[in-house]
């Protein structure tokens, strides 16, 4: 791929993300101003696929995941007018989801195992095994470290967006990512796998 083509692809990705945020802002405004059920339904379906994997990596319980998602979206419906536009809509919604996940974790012992993860079809056995090992390693991280790994590596959020979601300073996010990566390396080594995360 030429540098020009790569730049064009990067520009397209950024424009798509910006368009998505504008669409989300429009939907939130329609929900806040007119209690537009159609706007809410669209937001609900758009965020189901985005929030599901994020929340699952934190709570690691399919039943709780569904309940948390519904609680998050109920909060979005009830509090749409409190969205102040200082961050992306997705950052605001992910912050709500993170706080709901923490409530679930505080309310139960950590007994859900990685074996209960939803099944995904993958053609290559090695890829499946590696993903399982990474999933096992991430499951052993603290909730705060799982959050920053999920948001930075799986969701592609910036440090400032993660800070807004986690309600902490940006430097705290950087520190958590540093220690989460270090811990992942240790866990992956203990599991007999060379870590995918480099310093």
N, C-alpha and C. Protein backbone atom coordinates (compact mmCIF):
# COMPACT_ATOMS: atom_id res chain seq x y z
N UNK A 1 0.86 -1.18 0.00
CA UNK A 1 0.00 0.00 0.00
C UNK A 1 0.89 1.23 0.00
N UNK A 2 0.63 2.15 -0.88
CA UNK A 2 1.42 3.38 -0.96
C UNK A 2 1.09 4.28 0.22
N UNK A 3 2.01 5.21 0.45
CA UNK A 3 1.79 6.16 1.56
C UNK A 3 0.53 6.97 1.33
N UNK A 4 0.28 7.33 0.08
CA UNK A 4 -0.92 8.10 -0.25
C UNK A 4 -2.19 7.30 0.02
N UNK A 5 -2.16 6.03 -0.37
CA UNK A 5 -3.33 5.17 -0.13
C UNK A 5 -3.53 4.98 1.36
N UNK A 6 -2.44 4.79 2.11
CA UNK A 6 -2.55 4.63 3.56
C UNK A 6 -3.12 5.89 4.20
N UNK A 7 -2.65 7.06 3.73
CA UNK A 7 -3.16 8.32 4.25
C UNK A 7 -4.64 8.47 3.94
N UNK A 8 -5.04 8.06 2.73
CA UNK A 8 -6.45 8.13 2.36
C UNK A 8 -7.31 7.22 3.21
N UNK A 9 -6.80 6.02 3.50
CA UNK A 9 -7.52 5.08 4.35
C UNK A 9 -7.67 5.63 5.75
N UNK A 10 -6.57 6.22 6.28
CA UNK A 10 -6.61 6.80 7.62
C UNK A 10 -7.60 7.95 7.66
N UNK A 11 -7.62 8.77 6.63
CA UNK A 11 -8.55 9.90 6.55
C UNK A 11 -10.00 9.41 6.49
N UNK A 12 -10.24 8.34 5.73
CA UNK A 12 -11.58 7.76 5.63
C UNK A 12 -12.04 7.24 6.99
N UNK A 13 -11.13 6.57 7.72
CA UNK A 13 -11.48 6.05 9.04
C UNK A 13 -11.84 7.20 9.97
N UNK A 14 -11.03 8.28 9.95
CA UNK A 14 -11.32 9.42 10.82
C UNK A 14 -12.62 10.10 10.43
N UNK A 15 -12.88 10.22 9.12
CA UNK A 15 -14.13 10.84 8.67
C UNK A 15 -15.33 9.99 9.05
N UNK A 16 -15.20 8.66 8.96
CA UNK A 16 -16.28 7.77 9.36
C UNK A 16 -16.55 7.91 10.85
N UNK A 17 -15.49 7.97 11.66
CA UNK A 17 -15.66 8.13 13.10
C UNK A 17 -16.32 9.47 13.42
N UNK A 18 -15.90 10.53 12.72
CA UNK A 18 -16.49 11.84 12.96
C UNK A 18 -17.96 11.85 12.55
N UNK A 19 -18.26 11.23 11.42
CA UNK A 19 -19.65 11.13 10.97
C UNK A 19 -20.48 10.35 11.96
N UNK A 20 -19.91 9.25 12.47
CA UNK A 20 -20.62 8.43 13.46
C UNK A 20 -20.94 9.25 14.70
N UNK A 21 -19.97 10.05 15.17
CA UNK A 21 -20.22 10.86 16.36
C UNK A 21 -21.29 11.91 16.08
N UNK A 22 -21.27 12.50 14.89
CA UNK A 22 -22.32 13.47 14.55
C UNK A 22 -23.69 12.80 14.52
N UNK A 23 -23.75 11.59 13.97
CA UNK A 23 -25.00 10.83 13.97
C UNK A 23 -25.44 10.55 15.40
N UNK A 24 -24.51 10.11 16.24
CA UNK A 24 -24.82 9.81 17.64
C UNK A 24 -25.32 11.06 18.37
N UNK A 25 -24.68 12.20 18.11
CA UNK A 25 -25.10 13.45 18.75
C UNK A 25 -26.52 13.81 18.34
N UNK A 26 -26.81 13.62 17.07
CA UNK A 26 -28.15 13.90 16.56
C UNK A 26 -29.17 12.99 17.25
N UNK A 27 -28.84 11.72 17.39
CA UNK A 27 -29.75 10.78 18.05
C UNK A 27 -29.96 11.16 19.51
N UNK A 28 -28.89 11.50 20.21
CA UNK A 28 -29.01 11.89 21.63
C UNK A 28 -29.87 13.14 21.76
N UNK A 29 -29.67 14.10 20.87
CA UNK A 29 -30.49 15.32 20.92
C UNK A 29 -31.96 15.00 20.71
N UNK A 30 -32.24 14.12 19.76
CA UNK A 30 -33.64 13.75 19.50
C UNK A 30 -34.25 13.02 20.70
N UNK A 31 -33.44 12.20 21.38
CA UNK A 31 -33.92 11.50 22.56
C UNK A 31 -34.16 12.50 23.69
N UNK A 32 -33.21 13.41 23.90
CA UNK A 32 -33.32 14.38 24.98
C UNK A 32 -34.46 15.37 24.75
N UNK A 33 -34.58 15.85 23.53
CA UNK A 33 -35.56 16.91 23.24
C UNK A 33 -36.98 16.39 23.04
N UNK A 34 -37.13 15.25 22.38
CA UNK A 34 -38.47 14.79 21.99
C UNK A 34 -38.80 13.38 22.44
N UNK A 35 -37.90 12.77 23.22
CA UNK A 35 -38.10 11.37 23.63
C UNK A 35 -38.43 10.51 22.40
N UNK A 36 -37.61 10.70 21.36
CA UNK A 36 -37.79 10.03 20.07
C UNK A 36 -37.42 8.55 20.21
N UNK A 37 -38.43 7.68 20.20
CA UNK A 37 -38.22 6.24 20.37
C UNK A 37 -37.45 5.65 19.19
N UNK A 38 -37.65 6.17 17.99
CA UNK A 38 -36.92 5.69 16.82
C UNK A 38 -35.43 5.98 16.93
N UNK A 39 -35.10 7.17 17.42
CA UNK A 39 -33.70 7.53 17.63
C UNK A 39 -33.08 6.63 18.69
N UNK A 40 -33.83 6.37 19.75
CA UNK A 40 -33.33 5.49 20.80
C UNK A 40 -33.13 4.07 20.27
N UNK A 41 -34.06 3.59 19.49
CA UNK A 41 -33.94 2.23 18.94
C UNK A 41 -32.68 2.11 18.08
N UNK A 42 -32.42 3.12 17.27
CA UNK A 42 -31.21 3.07 16.43
C UNK A 42 -29.95 3.09 17.29
N UNK A 43 -29.91 3.96 18.29
CA UNK A 43 -28.76 4.03 19.18
C UNK A 43 -28.59 2.70 19.93
N UNK A 44 -29.70 2.14 20.36
CA UNK A 44 -29.69 0.86 21.08
C UNK A 44 -29.04 -0.23 20.21
N UNK A 45 -29.46 -0.34 18.98
CA UNK A 45 -28.92 -1.38 18.09
C UNK A 45 -27.47 -1.10 17.71
N UNK A 46 -27.13 0.16 17.49
CA UNK A 46 -25.74 0.51 17.16
C UNK A 46 -24.79 0.17 18.30
N UNK A 47 -25.22 0.43 19.52
CA UNK A 47 -24.33 0.22 20.67
C UNK A 47 -24.35 -1.21 21.19
N UNK A 48 -25.31 -2.01 20.82
CA UNK A 48 -25.34 -3.41 21.26
C UNK A 48 -24.06 -4.11 20.82
N UNK A 49 -23.68 -3.96 19.56
CA UNK A 49 -22.48 -4.65 19.07
C UNK A 49 -21.19 -4.00 19.58
N UNK A 50 -21.23 -2.72 19.89
CA UNK A 50 -20.04 -2.03 20.38
C UNK A 50 -19.80 -2.28 21.87
N UNK A 51 -20.86 -2.25 22.65
CA UNK A 51 -20.72 -2.39 24.10
C UNK A 51 -20.62 -3.84 24.56
N UNK A 52 -21.24 -4.76 23.81
CA UNK A 52 -21.26 -6.16 24.24
C UNK A 52 -19.90 -6.73 24.56
N UNK A 53 -18.96 -6.72 23.61
CA UNK A 53 -17.63 -7.27 23.89
C UNK A 53 -16.89 -6.49 24.98
N UNK A 54 -17.05 -5.17 24.97
CA UNK A 54 -16.41 -4.33 25.99
C UNK A 54 -16.85 -4.73 27.39
N UNK A 55 -18.16 -4.83 27.60
CA UNK A 55 -18.69 -5.16 28.91
C UNK A 55 -18.35 -6.60 29.29
N UNK A 56 -18.39 -7.51 28.31
CA UNK A 56 -18.09 -8.91 28.61
C UNK A 56 -16.67 -9.07 29.14
N UNK A 57 -15.73 -8.33 28.57
CA UNK A 57 -14.34 -8.45 29.03
C UNK A 57 -14.18 -7.96 30.46
N UNK A 58 -15.11 -7.15 30.92
CA UNK A 58 -15.04 -6.67 32.30
C UNK A 58 -15.81 -7.59 33.24
N UNK A 59 -17.07 -7.89 32.93
CA UNK A 59 -17.90 -8.68 33.86
C UNK A 59 -17.76 -10.18 33.66
N UNK A 60 -17.41 -10.63 32.44
CA UNK A 60 -17.17 -12.03 32.13
C UNK A 60 -18.34 -12.94 32.52
N UNK A 61 -19.54 -12.47 32.28
CA UNK A 61 -20.74 -13.25 32.59
C UNK A 61 -21.82 -12.88 31.57
N UNK A 62 -22.17 -13.81 30.66
CA UNK A 62 -23.13 -13.48 29.60
C UNK A 62 -24.48 -12.97 30.12
N UNK A 63 -24.99 -13.56 31.19
CA UNK A 63 -26.29 -13.12 31.73
C UNK A 63 -26.18 -11.71 32.29
N UNK A 64 -25.12 -11.46 33.04
CA UNK A 64 -24.92 -10.12 33.61
C UNK A 64 -24.67 -9.11 32.50
N UNK A 65 -24.00 -9.55 31.45
CA UNK A 65 -23.70 -8.67 30.31
C UNK A 65 -24.98 -8.11 29.71
N UNK A 66 -25.96 -8.96 29.51
CA UNK A 66 -27.24 -8.53 28.93
C UNK A 66 -27.95 -7.55 29.87
N UNK A 67 -27.94 -7.86 31.15
CA UNK A 67 -28.58 -7.00 32.14
C UNK A 67 -27.89 -5.63 32.21
N UNK A 68 -26.56 -5.66 32.20
CA UNK A 68 -25.80 -4.40 32.25
C UNK A 68 -26.09 -3.57 31.01
N UNK A 69 -26.12 -4.21 29.84
CA UNK A 69 -26.40 -3.47 28.61
C UNK A 69 -27.75 -2.77 28.70
N UNK A 70 -28.76 -3.49 29.16
CA UNK A 70 -30.09 -2.89 29.27
C UNK A 70 -30.10 -1.75 30.29
N UNK A 71 -29.37 -1.91 31.39
CA UNK A 71 -29.27 -0.83 32.38
C UNK A 71 -28.59 0.41 31.79
N UNK A 72 -27.53 0.16 31.02
CA UNK A 72 -26.82 1.27 30.37
C UNK A 72 -27.75 2.03 29.44
N UNK A 73 -28.45 1.30 28.60
CA UNK A 73 -29.32 1.97 27.64
C UNK A 73 -30.51 2.64 28.31
N UNK A 74 -30.98 2.09 29.42
CA UNK A 74 -32.04 2.75 30.18
C UNK A 74 -31.52 4.08 30.74
N UNK A 75 -30.29 4.08 31.22
CA UNK A 75 -29.67 5.31 31.72
C UNK A 75 -29.53 6.33 30.59
N UNK A 76 -29.12 5.87 29.41
CA UNK A 76 -29.02 6.77 28.25
C UNK A 76 -30.38 7.38 27.95
N UNK A 77 -31.42 6.58 27.96
CA UNK A 77 -32.77 7.08 27.70
C UNK A 77 -33.18 8.11 28.74
N UNK A 78 -32.98 7.77 30.00
CA UNK A 78 -33.43 8.65 31.09
C UNK A 78 -32.60 9.92 31.22
N UNK A 79 -31.31 9.84 30.86
CA UNK A 79 -30.41 10.97 31.13
C UNK A 79 -29.82 11.58 29.87
N UNK A 80 -30.45 11.37 28.74
CA UNK A 80 -29.93 11.92 27.48
C UNK A 80 -29.71 13.43 27.56
N UNK A 81 -30.58 14.11 28.29
CA UNK A 81 -30.45 15.56 28.38
C UNK A 81 -29.23 15.99 29.19
N UNK A 82 -28.61 15.09 29.93
CA UNK A 82 -27.41 15.44 30.70
C UNK A 82 -26.13 15.34 29.87
N UNK A 83 -26.22 14.77 28.67
CA UNK A 83 -25.04 14.74 27.80
C UNK A 83 -24.70 16.18 27.43
N UNK A 84 -23.46 16.61 27.75
CA UNK A 84 -23.10 18.02 27.58
C UNK A 84 -22.26 18.32 26.35
N UNK A 85 -21.93 17.33 25.56
CA UNK A 85 -21.20 17.57 24.33
C UNK A 85 -19.71 17.79 24.49
N UNK A 86 -19.18 17.67 25.70
CA UNK A 86 -17.74 17.89 25.92
C UNK A 86 -16.90 16.70 25.45
N UNK A 87 -17.51 15.58 25.21
CA UNK A 87 -16.81 14.40 24.71
C UNK A 87 -17.67 13.78 23.62
N UNK A 88 -17.14 12.75 22.99
CA UNK A 88 -17.94 12.03 22.02
C UNK A 88 -19.10 11.34 22.75
N UNK A 89 -20.18 11.10 22.05
CA UNK A 89 -21.31 10.38 22.62
C UNK A 89 -20.84 8.99 23.05
N UNK A 90 -20.01 8.36 22.23
CA UNK A 90 -19.53 7.01 22.57
C UNK A 90 -18.74 7.02 23.87
N UNK A 91 -17.96 8.06 24.11
CA UNK A 91 -17.20 8.16 25.37
C UNK A 91 -18.17 8.24 26.55
N UNK A 92 -19.21 9.04 26.40
CA UNK A 92 -20.22 9.19 27.45
C UNK A 92 -20.92 7.86 27.73
N UNK A 93 -21.31 7.16 26.67
CA UNK A 93 -22.01 5.88 26.84
C UNK A 93 -21.08 4.81 27.41
N UNK A 94 -19.84 4.75 26.94
CA UNK A 94 -18.89 3.78 27.49
C UNK A 94 -18.61 4.06 28.97
N UNK A 95 -18.59 5.33 29.36
CA UNK A 95 -18.40 5.66 30.78
C UNK A 95 -19.57 5.14 31.61
N UNK A 96 -20.77 5.29 31.11
CA UNK A 96 -21.95 4.75 31.80
C UNK A 96 -21.82 3.23 31.91
N UNK A 97 -21.41 2.59 30.82
CA UNK A 97 -21.26 1.12 30.81
C UNK A 97 -20.20 0.68 31.81
N UNK A 98 -19.09 1.38 31.85
CA UNK A 98 -18.02 1.02 32.78
C UNK A 98 -18.50 1.11 34.23
N UNK A 99 -19.20 2.18 34.55
CA UNK A 99 -19.70 2.32 35.94
C UNK A 99 -20.71 1.22 36.28
N UNK A 100 -21.55 0.86 35.31
CA UNK A 100 -22.51 -0.24 35.54
C UNK A 100 -21.78 -1.57 35.74
N UNK A 101 -20.73 -1.79 34.96
CA UNK A 101 -19.94 -3.03 35.11
C UNK A 101 -19.30 -3.09 36.49
N UNK A 102 -18.78 -1.97 36.96
CA UNK A 102 -18.16 -1.95 38.30
C UNK A 102 -19.19 -2.26 39.38
N UNK A 103 -20.42 -1.77 39.22
CA UNK A 103 -21.47 -2.10 40.18
C UNK A 103 -21.71 -3.61 40.24
N UNK A 104 -21.73 -4.24 39.07
CA UNK A 104 -21.93 -5.70 39.02
C UNK A 104 -20.77 -6.41 39.70
N UNK A 105 -19.54 -5.98 39.43
CA UNK A 105 -18.37 -6.63 40.03
C UNK A 105 -18.34 -6.47 41.55
N UNK A 106 -18.77 -5.32 42.03
CA UNK A 106 -18.79 -5.11 43.49
C UNK A 106 -19.84 -5.98 44.17
N UNK A 107 -20.88 -6.33 43.42
CA UNK A 107 -22.00 -7.05 44.00
C UNK A 107 -21.90 -8.56 43.98
N UNK A 108 -20.81 -9.11 43.48
CA UNK A 108 -20.71 -10.57 43.42
C UNK A 108 -19.26 -11.01 43.54
N UNK A 109 -19.07 -12.25 44.01
CA UNK A 109 -17.70 -12.79 44.02
C UNK A 109 -17.27 -13.07 42.58
N UNK A 110 -15.97 -13.03 42.34
CA UNK A 110 -15.43 -13.24 41.00
C UNK A 110 -15.33 -14.74 40.71
N UNK A 111 -16.46 -15.33 40.27
CA UNK A 111 -16.49 -16.77 40.06
C UNK A 111 -16.67 -17.17 38.60
N UNK A 112 -16.90 -16.21 37.73
CA UNK A 112 -17.14 -16.53 36.33
C UNK A 112 -15.81 -16.77 35.64
N UNK A 113 -15.70 -17.88 34.94
CA UNK A 113 -14.44 -18.23 34.29
C UNK A 113 -14.42 -17.88 32.83
N UNK A 114 -13.26 -17.94 32.24
CA UNK A 114 -13.09 -17.63 30.83
C UNK A 114 -13.77 -18.68 29.96
N UNK A 115 -14.01 -19.88 30.50
CA UNK A 115 -14.66 -20.93 29.73
C UNK A 115 -16.08 -20.56 29.31
N UNK A 116 -16.66 -19.56 29.97
CA UNK A 116 -18.03 -19.19 29.67
C UNK A 116 -18.12 -18.12 28.58
N UNK A 117 -17.02 -17.81 27.93
CA UNK A 117 -17.03 -16.80 26.87
C UNK A 117 -17.88 -17.27 25.70
N UNK A 118 -18.56 -16.34 25.04
CA UNK A 118 -19.36 -16.73 23.87
C UNK A 118 -18.47 -17.33 22.79
N UNK A 119 -19.01 -18.31 22.08
CA UNK A 119 -18.25 -18.99 21.03
C UNK A 119 -18.13 -18.10 19.80
N UNK A 120 -16.96 -18.14 19.17
CA UNK A 120 -16.74 -17.46 17.91
C UNK A 120 -16.13 -18.47 16.96
N UNK A 121 -16.47 -18.37 15.68
CA UNK A 121 -15.91 -19.30 14.72
C UNK A 121 -14.62 -18.73 14.15
N UNK A 122 -13.57 -19.51 14.19
CA UNK A 122 -12.28 -19.12 13.65
C UNK A 122 -11.73 -20.31 12.88
N UNK A 123 -11.22 -20.06 11.69
CA UNK A 123 -10.74 -21.15 10.86
C UNK A 123 -9.41 -21.73 11.34
N UNK A 124 -8.53 -20.91 11.81
CA UNK A 124 -7.21 -21.38 12.17
C UNK A 124 -7.15 -21.73 13.65
N UNK A 125 -6.75 -22.96 13.93
CA UNK A 125 -6.66 -23.44 15.31
C UNK A 125 -5.69 -22.60 16.14
N UNK A 126 -4.53 -22.27 15.57
CA UNK A 126 -3.54 -21.48 16.29
C UNK A 126 -4.07 -20.12 16.70
N UNK A 127 -4.85 -19.50 15.83
CA UNK A 127 -5.43 -18.19 16.14
C UNK A 127 -6.42 -18.31 17.29
N UNK A 128 -7.22 -19.36 17.27
CA UNK A 128 -8.18 -19.59 18.34
C UNK A 128 -7.48 -19.81 19.67
N UNK A 129 -6.45 -20.64 19.66
CA UNK A 129 -5.71 -20.92 20.90
C UNK A 129 -5.05 -19.66 21.44
N UNK A 130 -4.46 -18.87 20.56
CA UNK A 130 -3.80 -17.64 21.00
C UNK A 130 -4.83 -16.67 21.58
N UNK A 131 -5.98 -16.54 20.90
CA UNK A 131 -7.03 -15.66 21.41
C UNK A 131 -7.51 -16.14 22.78
N UNK A 132 -7.64 -17.44 22.95
CA UNK A 132 -8.05 -17.98 24.24
C UNK A 132 -7.03 -17.65 25.33
N UNK A 133 -5.74 -17.78 24.98
CA UNK A 133 -4.69 -17.45 25.97
C UNK A 133 -4.72 -15.97 26.33
N UNK A 134 -4.88 -15.13 25.33
CA UNK A 134 -4.96 -13.69 25.59
C UNK A 134 -6.19 -13.40 26.45
N UNK A 135 -7.31 -14.04 26.13
CA UNK A 135 -8.53 -13.87 26.93
C UNK A 135 -8.33 -14.30 28.37
N UNK A 136 -7.64 -15.42 28.57
CA UNK A 136 -7.35 -15.90 29.93
C UNK A 136 -6.45 -14.90 30.66
N UNK A 137 -5.47 -14.37 29.95
CA UNK A 137 -4.56 -13.41 30.57
C UNK A 137 -5.30 -12.12 30.94
N UNK A 138 -6.11 -11.62 30.04
CA UNK A 138 -6.86 -10.39 30.32
C UNK A 138 -7.83 -10.60 31.47
N UNK A 139 -8.42 -11.79 31.55
CA UNK A 139 -9.36 -12.09 32.64
C UNK A 139 -8.70 -12.04 34.00
N UNK A 140 -7.38 -12.23 34.04
CA UNK A 140 -6.66 -12.21 35.31
C UNK A 140 -6.25 -10.80 35.75
N UNK A 141 -6.46 -9.82 34.89
CA UNK A 141 -6.14 -8.44 35.24
C UNK A 141 -7.20 -7.87 36.17
N UNK A 142 -6.84 -6.81 36.88
CA UNK A 142 -7.82 -6.10 37.71
C UNK A 142 -8.84 -5.43 36.77
N UNK A 143 -10.03 -5.09 37.28
CA UNK A 143 -11.02 -4.42 36.43
C UNK A 143 -10.48 -3.13 35.79
N UNK A 144 -9.70 -2.36 36.53
CA UNK A 144 -9.14 -1.12 35.98
C UNK A 144 -8.18 -1.40 34.84
N UNK A 145 -7.37 -2.45 34.98
CA UNK A 145 -6.43 -2.79 33.91
C UNK A 145 -7.16 -3.42 32.73
N UNK A 146 -8.18 -4.23 32.98
CA UNK A 146 -8.97 -4.78 31.87
C UNK A 146 -9.61 -3.64 31.08
N UNK A 147 -10.10 -2.64 31.79
CA UNK A 147 -10.75 -1.50 31.13
C UNK A 147 -9.80 -0.81 30.17
N UNK A 148 -8.60 -0.44 30.65
CA UNK A 148 -7.70 0.32 29.78
C UNK A 148 -7.21 -0.52 28.60
N UNK A 149 -7.01 -1.81 28.80
CA UNK A 149 -6.61 -2.68 27.69
C UNK A 149 -7.75 -2.79 26.69
N UNK A 150 -8.94 -3.01 27.17
CA UNK A 150 -10.11 -3.12 26.29
C UNK A 150 -10.31 -1.84 25.48
N UNK A 151 -10.29 -0.71 26.15
CA UNK A 151 -10.56 0.55 25.46
C UNK A 151 -9.45 0.96 24.51
N UNK A 152 -8.20 0.71 24.89
CA UNK A 152 -7.11 1.14 24.02
C UNK A 152 -6.86 0.17 22.87
N UNK A 153 -6.85 -1.13 23.14
CA UNK A 153 -6.49 -2.10 22.11
C UNK A 153 -7.68 -2.65 21.33
N UNK A 154 -8.81 -2.83 21.98
CA UNK A 154 -9.96 -3.43 21.30
C UNK A 154 -10.94 -2.39 20.77
N UNK A 155 -11.04 -1.24 21.46
CA UNK A 155 -11.99 -0.21 21.03
C UNK A 155 -11.31 0.96 20.32
N UNK A 156 -9.99 1.08 20.48
CA UNK A 156 -9.24 2.13 19.78
C UNK A 156 -9.42 3.53 20.36
N UNK A 157 -9.76 3.63 21.64
CA UNK A 157 -9.93 4.94 22.26
C UNK A 157 -8.59 5.60 22.54
N UNK A 158 -8.58 6.93 22.56
CA UNK A 158 -7.39 7.69 22.92
C UNK A 158 -7.26 7.74 24.44
N UNK A 159 -6.09 8.19 24.91
CA UNK A 159 -5.89 8.32 26.36
C UNK A 159 -6.92 9.27 26.96
N UNK A 160 -7.19 10.37 26.29
CA UNK A 160 -8.14 11.34 26.85
C UNK A 160 -9.55 10.76 26.90
N UNK A 161 -9.93 9.97 25.89
CA UNK A 161 -11.25 9.33 25.92
C UNK A 161 -11.33 8.30 27.04
N UNK A 162 -10.27 7.54 27.22
CA UNK A 162 -10.25 6.54 28.30
C UNK A 162 -10.34 7.25 29.65
N UNK A 163 -9.62 8.36 29.79
CA UNK A 163 -9.67 9.12 31.05
C UNK A 163 -11.09 9.59 31.34
N UNK A 164 -11.82 10.03 30.30
CA UNK A 164 -13.20 10.47 30.49
C UNK A 164 -14.09 9.30 30.90
N UNK A 165 -13.88 8.15 30.28
CA UNK A 165 -14.69 6.98 30.61
C UNK A 165 -14.42 6.49 32.02
N UNK A 166 -13.12 6.41 32.37
CA UNK A 166 -12.74 5.89 33.69
C UNK A 166 -12.83 6.94 34.79
N UNK A 167 -13.09 8.19 34.41
CA UNK A 167 -13.18 9.30 35.36
C UNK A 167 -11.90 9.42 36.18
N UNK A 168 -10.78 9.51 35.46
CA UNK A 168 -9.48 9.66 36.11
C UNK A 168 -8.59 10.51 35.22
N UNK A 169 -7.47 11.02 35.75
CA UNK A 169 -6.57 11.83 34.93
C UNK A 169 -5.93 11.00 33.80
N UNK A 170 -5.56 11.68 32.73
CA UNK A 170 -4.94 11.01 31.58
C UNK A 170 -3.64 10.30 31.98
N UNK A 171 -2.86 10.91 32.87
CA UNK A 171 -1.62 10.26 33.31
C UNK A 171 -1.90 8.96 34.05
N UNK A 172 -3.01 8.88 34.76
CA UNK A 172 -3.40 7.64 35.42
C UNK A 172 -3.69 6.57 34.39
N UNK A 173 -4.34 6.95 33.30
CA UNK A 173 -4.61 6.01 32.21
C UNK A 173 -3.30 5.46 31.67
N UNK A 174 -2.33 6.35 31.40
CA UNK A 174 -1.04 5.92 30.87
C UNK A 174 -0.34 4.96 31.83
N UNK A 175 -0.41 5.27 33.12
CA UNK A 175 0.21 4.40 34.12
C UNK A 175 -0.49 3.05 34.16
N UNK A 176 -1.82 3.05 34.11
CA UNK A 176 -2.55 1.78 34.13
C UNK A 176 -2.24 0.93 32.90
N UNK A 177 -2.13 1.57 31.75
CA UNK A 177 -1.78 0.82 30.53
C UNK A 177 -0.38 0.23 30.68
N UNK A 178 0.55 1.00 31.20
CA UNK A 178 1.91 0.50 31.39
C UNK A 178 1.90 -0.74 32.28
N UNK A 179 1.24 -0.66 33.44
CA UNK A 179 1.23 -1.80 34.37
C UNK A 179 0.37 -2.95 33.86
N UNK A 180 -0.69 -2.65 33.13
CA UNK A 180 -1.51 -3.72 32.56
C UNK A 180 -0.70 -4.50 31.53
N UNK A 181 0.03 -3.81 30.69
CA UNK A 181 0.86 -4.48 29.68
C UNK A 181 1.95 -5.32 30.35
N UNK A 182 2.56 -4.77 31.38
CA UNK A 182 3.59 -5.51 32.11
C UNK A 182 2.99 -6.78 32.71
N UNK A 183 1.82 -6.65 33.33
CA UNK A 183 1.17 -7.80 33.95
C UNK A 183 0.75 -8.82 32.89
N UNK A 184 0.27 -8.36 31.75
CA UNK A 184 -0.09 -9.27 30.66
C UNK A 184 1.11 -10.08 30.21
N UNK A 185 2.25 -9.44 30.09
CA UNK A 185 3.48 -10.16 29.71
C UNK A 185 3.79 -11.26 30.71
N UNK A 186 3.68 -10.94 31.99
CA UNK A 186 3.96 -11.93 33.04
C UNK A 186 2.99 -13.10 32.95
N UNK A 187 1.72 -12.78 32.80
CA UNK A 187 0.69 -13.83 32.74
C UNK A 187 0.88 -14.69 31.49
N UNK A 188 1.13 -14.05 30.36
CA UNK A 188 1.33 -14.80 29.11
C UNK A 188 2.55 -15.70 29.22
N UNK A 189 3.62 -15.21 29.85
CA UNK A 189 4.81 -16.03 30.04
C UNK A 189 4.49 -17.24 30.91
N UNK A 190 3.70 -17.02 31.95
CA UNK A 190 3.31 -18.11 32.84
C UNK A 190 2.43 -19.13 32.11
N UNK A 191 1.66 -18.65 31.14
CA UNK A 191 0.81 -19.54 30.35
C UNK A 191 1.59 -20.20 29.21
N UNK A 192 2.87 -19.84 29.09
CA UNK A 192 3.72 -20.47 28.08
C UNK A 192 3.63 -19.84 26.72
N UNK A 193 3.25 -18.57 26.65
CA UNK A 193 3.07 -17.91 25.37
C UNK A 193 3.86 -16.62 25.36
N UNK A 194 4.50 -16.33 24.24
CA UNK A 194 5.19 -15.05 24.08
C UNK A 194 4.13 -13.96 23.95
N UNK A 195 4.20 -12.90 24.75
CA UNK A 195 3.15 -11.87 24.72
C UNK A 195 3.10 -11.12 23.40
N UNK A 196 1.88 -10.72 23.02
CA UNK A 196 1.68 -9.94 21.80
C UNK A 196 1.90 -8.47 22.06
N UNK A 197 1.88 -8.07 23.32
CA UNK A 197 2.03 -6.66 23.69
C UNK A 197 3.48 -6.36 23.93
N UNK A 198 4.01 -5.38 23.23
CA UNK A 198 5.41 -4.99 23.39
C UNK A 198 5.48 -3.66 24.09
N UNK A 199 6.60 -3.41 24.79
CA UNK A 199 6.81 -2.10 25.45
C UNK A 199 7.11 -1.03 24.46
